[in-house]
Amino acid sequence: MRAWASFFILYISTNGPTIGQEANSYLFSFYNLENLFDTKDDSLTHDEEFTPEGARFWTESKFQRKISRLSSSILSIGEWQPVDLLGVCEVESAHVLNQLIERGGLSKMDYQVVHFESPDRRGIDVALIFRKERLSFIGAQNKKIQLNGRDDFRTRDILVCQFELDDRELFVLVNHWPSKYGGAMATIPLRNGVAHICAALVDSLKQSNPKASVMLMGDFNAEPQEECMNILESEAKLKSSFNSEGQGSNKYQGQWSLIDRIFIDENFEKVFSINRSGVHKVEMLLEADEKFLGEKPKRSFQGFKYMDGYSDHLPVFIEFNPRP
């Protein structure tokens, strides 16, 4: 088996698990945590608004409340079954994730953090937590995003983690693609460029590890029918883990959109069977949409107004079993 050569510092919580789970069933999820920042100003990034003196009046009590909220929402994904692996985005640092896994119910699951600093100007990164007891971790790396002719472009890296599950090798790639801030049409080339880079990365992993499976998860800031999604699926030969019709993970201007997704490759389907997969849309994570009717995610902020919620996104998940 090919191990990765150079990696990172891992951040570990050492409490043992207390909740049972079927031995041959795995639960993976992805969750945009909506600006999980601590209260300290990082001089290298533009995070000043997330300080007690900043525009959001981000205090330690609000941060701890956010941690408590997220812990509850993550536990709700599996109900009685804890999440084995959670990919996340919009996190400031390994420190805030350590706070998350060391407090409340998550502290009982023996989670480990994998995180790299990315060049994003706001200081938000992708990361991953996993249960050490359940998954055999091999290594990780961060793939930098460099677009031709855009030396000034800075965005989140792609996090690549390698695991072994029941003697089966699996790569998990965590993504947070460029947003539509600045205009949906104007930013299409950015997402298309990242899609090509991501597809090439998947192809490289498959060539180096032909028997390994690949799972891609993330906030892609694009709907299933958009060009960058077609690029990813066709060039990397990936498919969505669940039917996108009628699904939504984020609501904007009264319209639900499915921008958070999980993809799998052909090898995954050969060695694992999917029990269930989709958007974790439960009442505790929702509130009434008084302007556009229906419901919407119960978020932390509406603009700069503190809403005491969870996130403006809903988690997506996949539960699967190794095939005999």
C-alpha atoms as a PDB file:
ATOM      1  CA  MET A   1       0.000   0.000   0.000  1.00  0.00           C
ATOM      2  CA  ARG A   2       1.270   3.422  -0.945  1.00  0.00           C
ATOM      3  CA  ALA A   3       1.539   5.814   2.013  1.00  0.00           C
ATOM      4  CA  TRP A   4       1.830   9.555   1.579  1.00  0.00           C
ATOM      5  CA  ALA A   5       5.240  11.009   2.149  1.00  0.00           C
ATOM      6  CA  SER A   6       4.788  14.258   4.023  1.00  0.00           C
ATOM      7  CA  PHE A   7       1.972  15.383   6.181  1.00  0.00           C
ATOM      8  CA  PHE A   8       1.005  17.519   9.156  1.00  0.00           C
ATOM      9  CA  ILE A   9       0.572  17.832  12.850  1.00  0.00           C
ATOM     10  CA  LEU A  10      -2.500  16.014  14.122  1.00  0.00           C
ATOM     11  CA  TYR A  11      -4.671  17.339  16.915  1.00  0.00           C
ATOM     12  CA  ILE A  12      -6.137  14.613  19.098  1.00  0.00           C
ATOM     13  CA  SER A  13      -8.901  14.212  21.646  1.00  0.00           C
ATOM     14  CA  THR A  14      -8.238  11.176  23.833  1.00  0.00           C
ATOM     15  CA  ASN A  15     -11.583  10.354  25.434  1.00  0.00           C
ATOM     16  CA  GLY A  16     -12.971   6.918  24.518  1.00  0.00           C
ATOM     17  CA  PRO A  17     -16.310   6.332  22.771  1.00  0.00           C
ATOM     18  CA  THR A  18     -19.382   5.322  24.709  1.00  0.00           C
ATOM     19  CA  ILE A  19     -22.018   5.073  22.010  1.00  0.00           C
ATOM     20  CA  GLY A  20     -22.346   1.813  20.109  1.00  0.00           C
ATOM     21  CA  GLN A  21     -22.436   1.385  16.362  1.00  0.00           C
ATOM     22  CA  GLU A  22     -22.928  -1.542  14.029  1.00  0.00           C
ATOM     23  CA  ALA A  23     -19.417  -2.819  13.347  1.00  0.00           C
ATOM     24  CA  ASN A  24     -19.716  -3.046   9.560  1.00  0.00           C
ATOM     25  CA  SER A  25     -21.609   0.212   8.935  1.00  0.00           C
ATOM     26  CA  TYR A  26     -19.910   3.587   8.371  1.00  0.00           C
ATOM     27  CA  LEU A  27     -21.426   7.065   8.528  1.00  0.00           C
ATOM     28  CA  PHE A  28     -19.628   9.942   6.767  1.00  0.00           C
ATOM     29  CA  SER A  29     -20.860  13.522   6.492  1.00  0.00           C
ATOM     30  CA  PHE A  30     -19.955  16.992   5.256  1.00  0.00           C
ATOM     31  CA  TYR A  31     -20.981  20.228   6.968  1.00  0.00           C
ATOM     32  CA  ASN A  32     -20.339  23.904   6.215  1.00  0.00           C
ATOM     33  CA  LEU A  33     -19.977  25.306   9.752  1.00  0.00           C
ATOM     34  CA  GLU A  34     -20.682  28.937   8.779  1.00  0.00           C
ATOM     35  CA  ASN A  35     -17.721  30.963   9.974  1.00  0.00           C
ATOM     36  CA  LEU A  36     -16.383  28.998  12.920  1.00  0.00           C
ATOM     37  CA  PHE A  37     -13.905  31.596  14.213  1.00  0.00           C
ATOM     38  CA  ASP A  38     -12.397  32.110  17.631  1.00  0.00           C
ATOM     39  CA  THR A  39     -12.404  35.621  19.127  1.00  0.00           C
ATOM     40  CA  LYS A  40      -8.745  36.500  18.499  1.00  0.00           C
ATOM     41  CA  ASP A  41      -7.537  38.679  15.639  1.00  0.00           C
ATOM     42  CA  ASP A  42      -5.175  36.898  13.236  1.00  0.00           C
ATOM     43  CA  SER A  43      -2.851  39.500  11.729  1.00  0.00           C
ATOM     44  CA  LEU A  44      -2.336  37.364   8.605  1.00  0.00           C
ATOM     45  CA  THR A  45      -6.017  37.207   7.592  1.00  0.00           C
ATOM     46  CA  HIS A  46      -9.065  39.461   7.409  1.00  0.00           C
ATOM     47  CA  ASP A  47     -10.894  38.111  10.454  1.00  0.00           C
ATOM     48  CA  GLU A  48     -11.230  41.378  12.383  1.00  0.00           C
ATOM     49  CA  GLU A  49     -15.027  41.244  12.327  1.00  0.00           C
ATOM     50  CA  PHE A  50     -14.916  38.062  14.440  1.00  0.00           C
ATOM     51  CA  THR A  51     -13.521  39.753  17.543  1.00  0.00           C
ATOM     52  CA  PRO A  52     -15.288  41.339  20.526  1.00  0.00           C
ATOM     53  CA  GLU A  53     -14.518  44.787  19.079  1.00  0.00           C
ATOM     54  CA  GLY A  54     -15.344  43.800  15.492  1.00  0.00           C
ATOM     55  CA  ALA A  55     -18.443  44.334  13.393  1.00  0.00           C
ATOM     56  CA  ARG A  56     -20.022  41.096  14.648  1.00  0.00           C
ATOM     57  CA  PHE A  57     -19.164  41.674  18.330  1.00  0.00           C
ATOM     58  CA  TRP A  58     -17.908  38.089  18.425  1.00  0.00           C
ATOM     59  CA  THR A  59     -17.416  37.310  22.118  1.00  0.00           C
ATOM     60  CA  GLU A  60     -16.173  34.207  23.915  1.00  0.00           C
ATOM     61  CA  SER A  61     -19.688  33.419  25.126  1.00  0.00           C
ATOM     62  CA  LYS A  62     -21.033  33.535  21.553  1.00  0.00           C
ATOM     63  CA  PHE A  63     -18.167  31.337  20.358  1.00  0.00           C
ATOM     64  CA  GLN A  64     -18.850  28.760  23.072  1.00  0.00           C
ATOM     65  CA  ARG A  65     -22.559  28.883  22.267  1.00  0.00           C
ATOM     66  CA  LYS A  66     -21.728  28.226  18.607  1.00  0.00           C
ATOM     67  CA  ILE A  67     -19.559  25.251  19.626  1.00  0.00           C
ATOM     68  CA  SER A  68     -22.413  23.850  21.706  1.00  0.00           C
ATOM     69  CA  ARG A  69     -24.887  24.321  18.867  1.00  0.00           C
ATOM     70  CA  LEU A  70     -22.645  22.604  16.323  1.00  0.00           C
ATOM     71  CA  SER A  71     -21.921  19.710  18.659  1.00  0.00           C
ATOM     72  CA  SER A  72     -25.662  19.075  18.973  1.00  0.00           C
ATOM     73  CA  SER A  73     -26.251  19.313  15.233  1.00  0.00           C
ATOM     74  CA  ILE A  74     -23.393  16.909  14.427  1.00  0.00           C
ATOM     75  CA  LEU A  75     -24.697  14.389  16.960  1.00  0.00           C
ATOM     76  CA  SER A  76     -28.133  14.621  15.348  1.00  0.00           C
ATOM     77  CA  ILE A  77     -26.796  13.449  11.974  1.00  0.00           C
ATOM     78  CA  GLY A  78     -26.429   9.870  13.136  1.00  0.00           C
ATOM     79  CA  GLU A  79     -29.102   9.866  15.844  1.00  0.00           C
ATOM     80  CA  TRP A  80     -27.901   6.884  17.913  1.00  0.00           C
ATOM     81  CA  GLN A  81     -24.987   6.267  15.518  1.00  0.00           C
ATOM     82  CA  PRO A  82     -22.084   8.752  15.776  1.00  0.00           C
ATOM     83  CA  VAL A  83     -20.548  10.142  12.605  1.00  0.00           C
ATOM     84  CA  ASP A  84     -17.315   8.290  11.784  1.00  0.00           C
ATOM     85  CA  LEU A  85     -15.935  11.014   9.518  1.00  0.00           C
ATOM     86  CA  LEU A  86     -16.988  14.629   9.103  1.00  0.00           C
ATOM     87  CA  GLY A  87     -15.582  16.915   6.430  1.00  0.00           C
ATOM     88  CA  VAL A  88     -16.034  20.602   7.241  1.00  0.00           C
ATOM     89  CA  CYS A  89     -15.447  24.034   5.752  1.00  0.00           C
ATOM     90  CA  GLU A  90     -15.498  27.647   6.950  1.00  0.00           C
ATOM     91  CA  VAL A  91     -13.295  26.864   9.943  1.00  0.00           C
ATOM     92  CA  GLU A  92     -10.538  29.218  11.038  1.00  0.00           C
ATOM     93  CA  SER A  93      -8.064  26.779  12.552  1.00  0.00           C
ATOM     94  CA  ALA A  94      -7.357  23.436  14.182  1.00  0.00           C
ATOM     95  CA  HIS A  95      -7.864  25.211  17.503  1.00  0.00           C
ATOM     96  CA  VAL A  96     -11.573  25.855  16.907  1.00  0.00           C
ATOM     97  CA  LEU A  97     -12.072  22.239  15.833  1.00  0.00           C
ATOM     98  CA  ASN A  98     -10.313  21.043  18.965  1.00  0.00           C
ATOM     99  CA  GLN A  99     -12.753  23.144  20.946  1.00  0.00           C
ATOM    100  CA  LEU A 100     -15.588  21.475  19.050  1.00  0.00           C
ATOM    101  CA  ILE A 101     -14.492  17.859  19.600  1.00  0.00           C
ATOM    102  CA  GLU A 102     -13.408  18.339  23.212  1.00  0.00           C
ATOM    103  CA  ARG A 103     -16.718  19.717  24.468  1.00  0.00           C
ATOM    104  CA  GLY A 104     -20.190  18.258  24.850  1.00  0.00           C
ATOM    105  CA  GLY A 105     -21.206  14.943  23.354  1.00  0.00           C
ATOM    106  CA  LEU A 106     -18.457  14.873  20.732  1.00  0.00           C
ATOM    107  CA  SER A 107     -15.815  14.494  23.458  1.00  0.00           C
ATOM    108  CA  LYS A 108     -16.930  10.884  23.947  1.00  0.00           C
ATOM    109  CA  MET A 109     -16.166   9.847  20.367  1.00  0.00           C
ATOM    110  CA  ASP A 110     -12.347  10.006  20.308  1.00  0.00           C
ATOM    111  CA  TYR A 111     -12.214  12.263  17.242  1.00  0.00           C
ATOM    112  CA  GLN A 112      -8.983  13.359  15.591  1.00  0.00           C
ATOM    113  CA  VAL A 113      -8.548  16.536  13.536  1.00  0.00           C
ATOM    114  CA  VAL A 114      -6.819  16.846  10.161  1.00  0.00           C
ATOM    115  CA  HIS A 115      -6.269  20.459   9.130  1.00  0.00           C
ATOM    116  CA  PHE A 116      -3.942  22.610   7.021  1.00  0.00           C
ATOM    117  CA  GLU A 117      -3.827  26.394   6.826  1.00  0.00           C
ATOM    118  CA  SER A 118      -4.954  27.623   3.411  1.00  0.00           C
ATOM    119  CA  PRO A 119      -4.230  30.936   1.634  1.00  0.00           C
ATOM    120  CA  ASP A 120      -7.863  32.088   1.728  1.00  0.00           C
ATOM    121  CA  ARG A 121      -7.950  35.826   2.455  1.00  0.00           C
ATOM    122  CA  ARG A 122     -10.700  35.500   5.054  1.00  0.00           C
ATOM    123  CA  GLY A 123      -8.771  32.798   6.861  1.00  0.00           C
ATOM    124  CA  ILE A 124     -11.313  30.009   6.390  1.00  0.00           C
ATOM    125  CA  ASP A 125     -10.161  26.469   5.669  1.00  0.00           C
ATOM    126  CA  VAL A 126     -11.426  22.971   4.979  1.00  0.00           C
ATOM    127  CA  ALA A 127     -10.712  20.235   7.504  1.00  0.00           C
ATOM    128  CA  LEU A 128     -11.818  16.809   8.628  1.00  0.00           C
ATOM    129  CA  ILE A 129     -12.460  14.959  11.879  1.00  0.00           C
ATOM    130  CA  PHE A 130     -12.622  11.185  12.192  1.00  0.00           C
ATOM    131  CA  ARG A 131     -12.987   8.548  14.886  1.00  0.00           C
ATOM    132  CA  LYS A 132      -9.627   6.885  15.512  1.00  0.00           C
ATOM    133  CA  GLU A 133     -11.260   3.733  16.820  1.00  0.00           C
ATOM    134  CA  ARG A 134     -13.240   3.260  13.611  1.00  0.00           C
ATOM    135  CA  LEU A 135     -10.915   4.331  10.789  1.00  0.00           C
ATOM    136  CA  SER A 136      -7.306   3.453  10.078  1.00  0.00           C
ATOM    137  CA  PHE A 137      -5.629   6.712   9.051  1.00  0.00           C
ATOM    138  CA  ILE A 138      -2.755   6.538   6.544  1.00  0.00           C
ATOM    139  CA  GLY A 139      -1.982  10.167   5.753  1.00  0.00           C
ATOM    140  CA  ALA A 140      -3.066  13.476   4.231  1.00  0.00           C
ATOM    141  CA  GLN A 141      -1.950  16.354   2.070  1.00  0.00           C
ATOM    142  CA  ASN A 142      -3.371  19.688   0.954  1.00  0.00           C
ATOM    143  CA  LYS A 143      -3.682  20.435  -2.757  1.00  0.00           C
ATOM    144  CA  LYS A 144      -3.050  24.106  -3.546  1.00  0.00           C
ATOM    145  CA  ILE A 145      -5.302  25.730  -6.147  1.00  0.00           C
ATOM    146  CA  GLN A 146      -3.407  27.690  -8.805  1.00  0.00           C
ATOM    147  CA  LEU A 147      -5.339  28.928 -11.830  1.00  0.00           C
ATOM    148  CA  ASN A 148      -3.592  29.877 -15.075  1.00  0.00           C
ATOM    149  CA  GLY A 149      -3.283  33.629 -15.459  1.00  0.00           C
ATOM    150  CA  ARG A 150      -4.637  34.289 -11.960  1.00  0.00           C
ATOM    151  CA  ASP A 151      -1.587  34.606  -9.730  1.00  0.00           C
ATOM    152  CA  ASP A 152      -3.596  36.832  -7.377  1.00  0.00           C
ATOM    153  CA  PHE A 153      -6.328  34.239  -6.860  1.00  0.00           C
ATOM    154  CA  ARG A 154      -6.403  32.763  -3.366  1.00  0.00           C
ATOM    155  CA  THR A 155      -8.899  30.163  -2.264  1.00  0.00           C
ATOM    156  CA  ARG A 156      -9.236  27.117  -0.068  1.00  0.00           C
ATOM    157  CA  ASP A 157      -7.030  24.083  -0.652  1.00  0.00           C
ATOM    158  CA  ILE A 158      -8.451  20.637  -1.364  1.00  0.00           C
ATOM    159  CA  LEU A 159      -7.807  18.364   1.608  1.00  0.00           C
ATOM    160  CA  VAL A 160      -6.872  14.794   0.639  1.00  0.00           C
ATOM    161  CA  CYS A 161      -7.013  12.107   3.342  1.00  0.00           C
ATOM    162  CA  GLN A 162      -6.181   8.429   2.937  1.00  0.00           C
ATOM    163  CA  PHE A 163      -7.824   5.738   5.080  1.00  0.00           C
ATOM    164  CA  GLU A 164      -8.194   1.997   5.318  1.00  0.00           C
ATOM    165  CA  LEU A 165     -11.635   0.562   6.088  1.00  0.00           C
ATOM    166  CA  ASP A 166     -12.008  -3.206   6.466  1.00  0.00           C
ATOM    167  CA  ASP A 167      -8.884  -3.780   4.334  1.00  0.00           C
ATOM    168  CA  ARG A 168     -10.205  -1.390   1.682  1.00  0.00           C
ATOM    169  CA  GLU A 169      -8.290   1.751   0.772  1.00  0.00           C
ATOM    170  CA  LEU A 170     -10.278   4.992   0.550  1.00  0.00           C
ATOM    171  CA  PHE A 171      -9.342   8.569  -0.351  1.00  0.00           C
ATOM    172  CA  VAL A 172     -11.601  11.332   0.981  1.00  0.00           C
ATOM    173  CA  LEU A 173     -11.285  14.772  -0.628  1.00  0.00           C
ATOM    174  CA  VAL A 174     -12.790  17.777   1.181  1.00  0.00           C
ATOM    175  CA  ASN A 175     -13.653  20.833  -0.933  1.00  0.00           C
ATOM    176  CA  HIS A 176     -14.895  24.403  -0.629  1.00  0.00           C
ATOM    177  CA  TRP A 177     -15.012  25.940  -4.094  1.00  0.00           C
ATOM    178  CA  PRO A 178     -15.112  29.679  -4.941  1.00  0.00           C
ATOM    179  CA  SER A 179     -18.398  31.411  -4.155  1.00  0.00           C
ATOM    180  CA  LYS A 180     -20.548  33.490  -6.480  1.00  0.00           C
ATOM    181  CA  TYR A 181     -19.620  36.667  -4.634  1.00  0.00           C
ATOM    182  CA  GLY A 182     -18.852  39.204  -7.354  1.00  0.00           C
ATOM    183  CA  GLY A 183     -21.466  37.733  -9.687  1.00  0.00           C
ATOM    184  CA  ALA A 184     -22.576  34.217 -10.619  1.00  0.00           C
ATOM    185  CA  MET A 185     -21.531  34.587 -14.269  1.00  0.00           C
ATOM    186  CA  ALA A 186     -18.265  36.401 -13.523  1.00  0.00           C
ATOM    187  CA  THR A 187     -17.095  33.651 -11.172  1.00  0.00           C
ATOM    188  CA  ILE A 188     -17.926  30.680 -13.426  1.00  0.00           C
ATOM    189  CA  PRO A 189     -14.306  30.452 -14.710  1.00  0.00           C
ATOM    190  CA  LEU A 190     -13.061  30.152 -11.122  1.00  0.00           C
ATOM    191  CA  ARG A 191     -15.263  27.169 -10.297  1.00  0.00           C
ATOM    192  CA  ASN A 192     -14.624  25.573 -13.682  1.00  0.00           C
ATOM    193  CA  GLY A 193     -10.889  25.947 -13.130  1.00  0.00           C
ATOM    194  CA  VAL A 194     -11.069  24.313  -9.710  1.00  0.00           C
ATOM    195  CA  ALA A 195     -13.215  21.528 -11.201  1.00  0.00           C
ATOM    196  CA  HIS A 196     -10.480  20.712 -13.746  1.00  0.00           C
ATOM    197  CA  ILE A 197      -7.819  20.728 -11.002  1.00  0.00           C
ATOM    198  CA  CYS A 198      -9.927  18.507  -8.765  1.00  0.00           C
ATOM    199  CA  ALA A 199     -10.654  16.047 -11.580  1.00  0.00           C
ATOM    200  CA  ALA A 200      -6.941  15.831 -12.424  1.00  0.00           C
ATOM    201  CA  LEU A 201      -6.178  15.188  -8.755  1.00  0.00           C
ATOM    202  CA  VAL A 202      -8.702  12.338  -8.625  1.00  0.00           C
ATOM    203  CA  ASP A 203      -7.229  10.862 -11.807  1.00  0.00           C
ATOM    204  CA  SER A 204      -3.720  11.025 -10.311  1.00  0.00           C
ATOM    205  CA  LEU A 205      -4.875   9.246  -7.145  1.00  0.00           C
ATOM    206  CA  LYS A 206      -6.515   6.496  -9.181  1.00  0.00           C
ATOM    207  CA  GLN A 207      -3.452   5.968 -11.347  1.00  0.00           C
ATOM    208  CA  SER A 208      -1.179   5.707  -8.308  1.00  0.00           C
ATOM    209  CA  ASN A 209      -3.656   3.576  -6.346  1.00  0.00           C
ATOM    210  CA  PRO A 210      -5.784   1.659  -8.896  1.00  0.00           C
ATOM    211  CA  LYS A 211      -7.579  -0.442  -6.279  1.00  0.00           C
ATOM    212  CA  ALA A 212      -8.441   2.473  -3.995  1.00  0.00           C
ATOM    213  CA  SER A 213     -11.869   4.082  -3.792  1.00  0.00           C
ATOM    214  CA  VAL A 214     -12.466   7.830  -3.932  1.00  0.00           C
ATOM    215  CA  MET A 215     -15.063   9.941  -2.144  1.00  0.00           C
ATOM    216  CA  LEU A 216     -15.412  13.663  -2.776  1.00  0.00           C
ATOM    217  CA  MET A 217     -17.369  15.921  -0.434  1.00  0.00           C
ATOM    218  CA  GLY A 218     -17.783  19.637  -0.043  1.00  0.00           C
ATOM    219  CA  ASP A 219     -19.529  22.935  -0.565  1.00  0.00           C
ATOM    220  CA  PHE A 220     -19.135  23.390  -4.313  1.00  0.00           C
ATOM    221  CA  ASN A 221     -21.082  26.674  -4.536  1.00  0.00           C
ATOM    222  CA  ALA A 222     -22.774  25.286  -7.634  1.00  0.00           C
ATOM    223  CA  GLU A 223     -26.021  23.514  -8.440  1.00  0.00           C
ATOM    224  CA  PRO A 224     -25.975  19.979  -9.910  1.00  0.00           C
ATOM    225  CA  GLN A 225     -26.734  21.213 -13.447  1.00  0.00           C
ATOM    226  CA  GLU A 226     -23.915  23.790 -13.575  1.00  0.00           C
ATOM    227  CA  GLU A 227     -20.913  23.404 -15.871  1.00  0.00           C
ATOM    228  CA  CYS A 228     -18.326  22.859 -13.137  1.00  0.00           C
ATOM    229  CA  MET A 229     -20.318  19.915 -11.780  1.00  0.00           C
ATOM    230  CA  ASN A 230     -20.490  18.377 -15.250  1.00  0.00           C
ATOM    231  CA  ILE A 231     -16.718  18.833 -15.603  1.00  0.00           C
ATOM    232  CA  LEU A 232     -16.112  17.104 -12.291  1.00  0.00           C
ATOM    233  CA  GLU A 233     -18.413  14.168 -12.956  1.00  0.00           C
ATOM    234  CA  SER A 234     -17.262  13.551 -16.538  1.00  0.00           C
ATOM    235  CA  GLU A 235     -13.513  14.093 -16.169  1.00  0.00           C
ATOM    236  CA  ALA A 236     -13.140  12.407 -12.776  1.00  0.00           C
ATOM    237  CA  LYS A 237     -15.791   9.764 -13.534  1.00  0.00           C
ATOM    238  CA  LEU A 238     -17.681  10.415 -10.312  1.00  0.00           C
ATOM    239  CA  LYS A 239     -21.361  10.187  -9.453  1.00  0.00           C
ATOM    240  CA  SER A 240     -23.487  11.736  -6.725  1.00  0.00           C
ATOM    241  CA  SER A 241     -24.162   9.510  -3.730  1.00  0.00           C
ATOM    242  CA  PHE A 242     -27.830  10.559  -3.726  1.00  0.00           C
ATOM    243  CA  ASN A 243     -30.542  11.785  -6.081  1.00  0.00           C
ATOM    244  CA  SER A 244     -30.399  15.578  -6.193  1.00  0.00           C
ATOM    245  CA  GLU A 245     -34.010  16.070  -7.284  1.00  0.00           C
ATOM    246  CA  GLY A 246     -35.996  18.004  -4.701  1.00  0.00           C
ATOM    247  CA  GLN A 247     -33.018  18.293  -2.343  1.00  0.00           C
ATOM    248  CA  GLY A 248     -31.545  21.460  -0.869  1.00  0.00           C
ATOM    249  CA  SER A 249     -28.762  22.199   1.614  1.00  0.00           C
ATOM    250  CA  ASN A 250     -28.814  26.018   1.518  1.00  0.00           C
ATOM    251  CA  LYS A 251     -31.571  28.580   0.981  1.00  0.00           C
ATOM    252  CA  TYR A 252     -30.988  31.927  -0.722  1.00  0.00           C
ATOM    253  CA  GLN A 253     -33.663  34.481  -1.588  1.00  0.00           C
ATOM    254  CA  GLY A 254     -36.391  31.934  -0.923  1.00  0.00           C
ATOM    255  CA  GLN A 255     -34.891  29.228  -3.157  1.00  0.00           C
ATOM    256  CA  TRP A 256     -33.353  26.000  -1.907  1.00  0.00           C
ATOM    257  CA  SER A 257     -30.120  25.005  -3.655  1.00  0.00           C
ATOM    258  CA  LEU A 258     -28.050  21.841  -3.471  1.00  0.00           C
ATOM    259  CA  ILE A 259     -24.479  23.119  -3.290  1.00  0.00           C
ATOM    260  CA  ASP A 260     -23.239  20.670  -0.636  1.00  0.00           C
ATOM    261  CA  ARG A 261     -22.764  17.180  -2.051  1.00  0.00           C
ATOM    262  CA  ILE A 262     -20.942  13.862  -1.789  1.00  0.00           C
ATOM    263  CA  PHE A 263     -19.519  12.037  -4.811  1.00  0.00           C
ATOM    264  CA  ILE A 264     -18.191   8.496  -5.177  1.00  0.00           C
ATOM    265  CA  ASP A 265     -16.263   6.642  -7.875  1.00  0.00           C
ATOM    266  CA  GLU A 266     -16.796   3.258  -9.526  1.00  0.00           C
ATOM    267  CA  ASN A 267     -14.368   1.487  -7.194  1.00  0.00           C
ATOM    268  CA  PHE A 268     -16.371   2.684  -4.198  1.00  0.00           C
ATOM    269  CA  GLU A 269     -19.513   1.061  -5.571  1.00  0.00           C
ATOM    270  CA  LYS A 270     -17.642  -2.186  -6.128  1.00  0.00           C
ATOM    271  CA  VAL A 271     -16.456  -2.562  -2.536  1.00  0.00           C
ATOM    272  CA  PHE A 272     -19.127  -0.664  -0.566  1.00  0.00           C
ATOM    273  CA  SER A 273     -22.926  -0.608  -0.662  1.00  0.00           C
ATOM    274  CA  ILE A 274     -24.829   2.572   0.221  1.00  0.00           C
ATOM    275  CA  ASN A 275     -27.558   2.190   2.835  1.00  0.00           C
ATOM    276  CA  ARG A 276     -28.757   5.787   2.732  1.00  0.00           C
ATOM    277  CA  SER A 277     -27.485   9.190   1.648  1.00  0.00           C
ATOM    278  CA  GLY A 278     -28.878  12.703   1.376  1.00  0.00           C
ATOM    279  CA  VAL A 279     -29.384  16.029   3.126  1.00  0.00           C
ATOM    280  CA  HIS A 280     -29.813  15.937   6.907  1.00  0.00           C
ATOM    281  CA  LYS A 281     -32.921  18.103   7.063  1.00  0.00           C
ATOM    282  CA  VAL A 282     -34.375  17.928  10.575  1.00  0.00           C
ATOM    283  CA  GLU A 283     -36.540  20.326  12.547  1.00  0.00           C
ATOM    284  CA  MET A 284     -33.883  21.359  15.067  1.00  0.00           C
ATOM    285  CA  LEU A 285     -31.700  22.822  12.298  1.00  0.00           C
ATOM    286  CA  LEU A 286     -34.549  24.799  10.696  1.00  0.00           C
ATOM    287  CA  GLU A 287     -36.641  27.865  11.457  1.00  0.00           C
ATOM    288  CA  ALA A 288     -39.594  29.606   9.836  1.00  0.00           C
ATOM    289  CA  ASP A 289     -38.783  31.641   6.734  1.00  0.00           C
ATOM    290  CA  GLU A 290     -40.992  34.642   7.450  1.00  0.00           C
ATOM    291  CA  LYS A 291     -40.019  36.529   4.297  1.00  0.00           C
ATOM    292  CA  PHE A 292     -40.256  33.770   1.681  1.00  0.00           C
ATOM    293  CA  LEU A 293     -42.413  31.249   3.586  1.00  0.00           C
ATOM    294  CA  GLY A 294     -41.597  27.653   4.373  1.00  0.00           C
ATOM    295  CA  GLU A 295     -38.461  26.895   6.363  1.00  0.00           C
ATOM    296  CA  LYS A 296     -34.779  27.771   6.140  1.00  0.00           C
ATOM    297  CA  PRO A 297     -31.583  26.738   7.967  1.00  0.00           C
ATOM    298  CA  LYS A 298     -31.288  28.270  11.431  1.00  0.00           C
ATOM    299  CA  ARG A 299     -28.084  30.219  10.900  1.00  0.00           C
ATOM    300  CA  SER A 300     -25.611  31.967  13.194  1.00  0.00           C
ATOM    301  CA  PHE A 301     -25.773  35.340  11.443  1.00  0.00           C
ATOM    302  CA  GLN A 302     -28.152  37.164   9.134  1.00  0.00           C
ATOM    303  CA  GLY A 303     -25.793  39.737   7.700  1.00  0.00           C
ATOM    304  CA  PHE A 304     -24.125  41.096  10.830  1.00  0.00           C
ATOM    305  CA  LYS A 305     -27.077  40.316  13.097  1.00  0.00           C
ATOM    306  CA  TYR A 306     -26.425  37.457  15.525  1.00  0.00           C
ATOM    307  CA  MET A 307     -29.166  34.806  15.219  1.00  0.00           C
ATOM    308  CA  ASP A 308     -27.887  32.203  17.712  1.00  0.00           C
ATOM    309  CA  GLY A 309     -28.290  29.358  15.220  1.00  0.00           C
ATOM    310  CA  TYR A 310     -26.271  26.462  13.858  1.00  0.00           C
ATOM    311  CA  SER A 311     -25.298  27.150  10.246  1.00  0.00           C
ATOM    312  CA  ASP A 312     -26.712  28.573   7.031  1.00  0.00           C
ATOM    313  CA  HIS A 313     -26.113  25.141   5.470  1.00  0.00           C
ATOM    314  CA  LEU A 314     -27.514  21.701   6.260  1.00  0.00           C
ATOM    315  CA  PRO A 315     -25.187  18.688   6.502  1.00  0.00           C
ATOM    316  CA  VAL A 316     -25.090  16.003   3.821  1.00  0.00           C
ATOM    317  CA  PHE A 317     -24.318  12.392   4.703  1.00  0.00           C
ATOM    318  CA  ILE A 318     -23.697   8.879   3.427  1.00  0.00           C
ATOM    319  CA  GLU A 319     -24.058   5.614   5.339  1.00  0.00           C
ATOM    320  CA  PHE A 320     -22.490   2.547   3.763  1.00  0.00           C
ATOM    321  CA  ASN A 321     -21.321  -1.021   4.369  1.00  0.00           C
ATOM    322  CA  PRO A 322     -18.362  -2.987   3.020  1.00  0.00           C
ATOM    323  CA  ARG A 323     -19.508  -5.583   0.500  1.00  0.00           C
ATOM    324  CA  PRO A 324     -18.756  -9.224   1.409  1.00  0.00           C
END
